C-alpha atoms as a PDB file:
ATOM      1  CA  MET A   1     -16.609  -4.589  21.664  1.00  0.00           C
ATOM      2  CA  ARG A   2     -16.023  -8.268  22.166  1.00  0.00           C
ATOM      3  CA  THR A   3     -15.561 -10.668  19.254  1.00  0.00           C
ATOM      4  CA  THR A   4     -14.357 -14.193  18.602  1.00  0.00           C
ATOM      5  CA  VAL A   5     -11.465 -14.895  16.278  1.00  0.00           C
ATOM      6  CA  ASP A   6     -10.439 -18.417  15.309  1.00  0.00           C
ATOM      7  CA  ILE A   7      -6.653 -18.658  15.276  1.00  0.00           C
ATOM      8  CA  PRO A   8      -5.133 -22.046  14.418  1.00  0.00           C
ATOM      9  CA  ASP A   9      -3.378 -23.647  17.414  1.00  0.00           C
ATOM     10  CA  PRO A  10       0.168 -23.477  15.989  1.00  0.00           C
ATOM     11  CA  LYS A  11      -0.184 -19.771  15.202  1.00  0.00           C
ATOM     12  CA  TYR A  12      -1.777 -19.033  18.568  1.00  0.00           C
ATOM     13  CA  ARG A  13       1.128 -20.719  20.369  1.00  0.00           C
ATOM     14  CA  LEU A  14       3.575 -18.580  18.401  1.00  0.00           C
ATOM     15  CA  LEU A  15       1.517 -15.462  19.115  1.00  0.00           C
ATOM     16  CA  LYS A  16       1.321 -16.222  22.822  1.00  0.00           C
ATOM     17  CA  SER A  17       5.060 -16.941  22.939  1.00  0.00           C
ATOM     18  CA  ARG A  18       5.880 -13.677  21.130  1.00  0.00           C
ATOM     19  CA  ALA A  19       3.587 -11.733  23.481  1.00  0.00           C
ATOM     20  CA  ALA A  20       5.281 -13.233  26.533  1.00  0.00           C
ATOM     21  CA  ALA A  21       8.735 -12.479  25.127  1.00  0.00           C
ATOM     22  CA  GLN A  22       7.728  -8.843  24.647  1.00  0.00           C
ATOM     23  CA  GLY A  23       6.030  -8.616  28.053  1.00  0.00           C
ATOM     24  CA  LYS A  24       2.656  -7.987  26.426  1.00  0.00           C
ATOM     25  CA  THR A  25      -0.674  -9.766  26.244  1.00  0.00           C
ATOM     26  CA  VAL A  26      -2.039 -11.540  23.194  1.00  0.00           C
ATOM     27  CA  LYS A  27      -4.772  -8.900  23.074  1.00  0.00           C
ATOM     28  CA  GLU A  28      -2.167  -6.122  22.871  1.00  0.00           C
ATOM     29  CA  LEU A  29      -0.411  -7.798  19.934  1.00  0.00           C
ATOM     30  CA  VAL A  30      -3.687  -8.414  18.113  1.00  0.00           C
ATOM     31  CA  MET A  31      -4.742  -4.787  18.633  1.00  0.00           C
ATOM     32  CA  ARG A  32      -1.334  -3.619  17.366  1.00  0.00           C
ATOM     33  CA  GLY A  33      -1.912  -5.683  14.223  1.00  0.00           C
ATOM     34  CA  VAL A  34      -5.364  -4.152  13.797  1.00  0.00           C
ATOM     35  CA  ASP A  35      -3.898  -0.662  14.182  1.00  0.00           C
ATOM     36  CA  VAL A  36      -1.236  -1.379  11.557  1.00  0.00           C
ATOM     37  CA  ILE A  37      -3.810  -2.603   9.038  1.00  0.00           C
ATOM     38  CA  LEU A  38      -6.128   0.342   9.632  1.00  0.00           C
ATOM     39  CA  ALA A  39      -3.250   2.833   9.391  1.00  0.00           C
ATOM     40  CA  GLU A  40      -2.181   1.396   6.013  1.00  0.00           C
ATOM     41  CA  GLU A  41      -5.606   2.009   4.521  1.00  0.00           C
ATOM     42  CA  THR A  42      -5.875   5.598   5.723  1.00  0.00           C
ATOM     43  CA  ALA A  43      -2.238   6.591   5.133  1.00  0.00           C
ATOM     44  CA  ALA A  44      -2.174   5.850   1.419  1.00  0.00           C
ATOM     45  CA  PRO A  45      -4.392   8.362  -0.368  1.00  0.00           C
ATOM     46  CA  ARG A  46      -4.739   7.749  -4.054  1.00  0.00           C
ATOM     47  CA  ARG A  47      -2.851  10.146  -6.227  1.00  0.00           C
ATOM     48  CA  ARG A  48      -3.694  11.100  -9.738  1.00  0.00           C
ATOM     49  CA  PRO A  49      -1.146   9.793 -12.210  1.00  0.00           C
ATOM     50  CA  ARG A  50       1.183  12.382 -13.693  1.00  0.00           C
ATOM     51  CA  PHE A  51       1.586  12.151 -17.417  1.00  0.00           C
ATOM     52  CA  PRO A  52       4.440  13.752 -19.326  1.00  0.00           C
ATOM     53  CA  LEU A  53       3.469  17.010 -21.000  1.00  0.00           C
ATOM     54  CA  ILE A  54       4.218  17.225 -24.682  1.00  0.00           C
ATOM     55  CA  HIS A  55       4.138  20.807 -25.893  1.00  0.00           C
ATOM     56  CA  SER A  56       2.648  21.609 -29.255  1.00  0.00           C
ATOM     57  CA  LYS A  57       2.772  24.697 -31.467  1.00  0.00           C
ATOM     58  CA  GLN A  58      -0.920  24.101 -32.194  1.00  0.00           C
ATOM     59  CA  PRO A  59      -2.695  23.390 -28.884  1.00  0.00           C
ATOM     60  CA  GLY A  60      -5.350  20.729 -29.200  1.00  0.00           C
ATOM     61  CA  LYS A  61      -3.578  19.035 -32.089  1.00  0.00           C
ATOM     62  CA  LEU A  62      -0.494  16.933 -31.952  1.00  0.00           C
ATOM     63  CA  ASN A  63       0.906  14.984 -34.834  1.00  0.00           C
ATOM     64  CA  ILE A  64       3.177  12.446 -33.235  1.00  0.00           C
ATOM     65  CA  ASP A  65       4.174   8.854 -33.878  1.00  0.00           C
ATOM     66  CA  ASN A  66       5.440   6.092 -31.590  1.00  0.00           C
ATOM     67  CA  GLU A  67       9.085   6.785 -32.386  1.00  0.00           C
ATOM     68  CA  ARG A  68       8.737  10.418 -31.285  1.00  0.00           C
ATOM     69  CA  ILE A  69       6.899   9.335 -28.103  1.00  0.00           C
ATOM     70  CA  TYR A  70       9.779   7.005 -27.211  1.00  0.00           C
ATOM     71  CA  ASP A  71      12.226   9.865 -27.752  1.00  0.00           C
ATOM     72  CA  ILE A  72      10.283  12.245 -25.493  1.00  0.00           C
ATOM     73  CA  ILE A  73       9.430   9.869 -22.660  1.00  0.00           C
ATOM     74  CA  GLY A  74      12.609   7.814 -22.639  1.00  0.00           C
ATOM     75  CA  PHE A  75      11.279   4.349 -22.009  1.00  0.00           C
ATOM     76  CA  PRO A  76      13.790   1.930 -20.515  1.00  0.00           C
END
């Protein structure tokens, strides 16, 4: 697919210079950037947060105060 991208002149000159230094075309560098961005989105699946388990002698009920929570979790 063909598209048009507006790149400011100073950035395009830097891009073209970098491409030449690497022996590549501007298109190859742009496509590499696209691949990097797309890989970041697919490579980072969301994970469910893990919460500390606090065991209780009576499941479903837990009488605890902030001081005890700080002792169990060990906040910095």
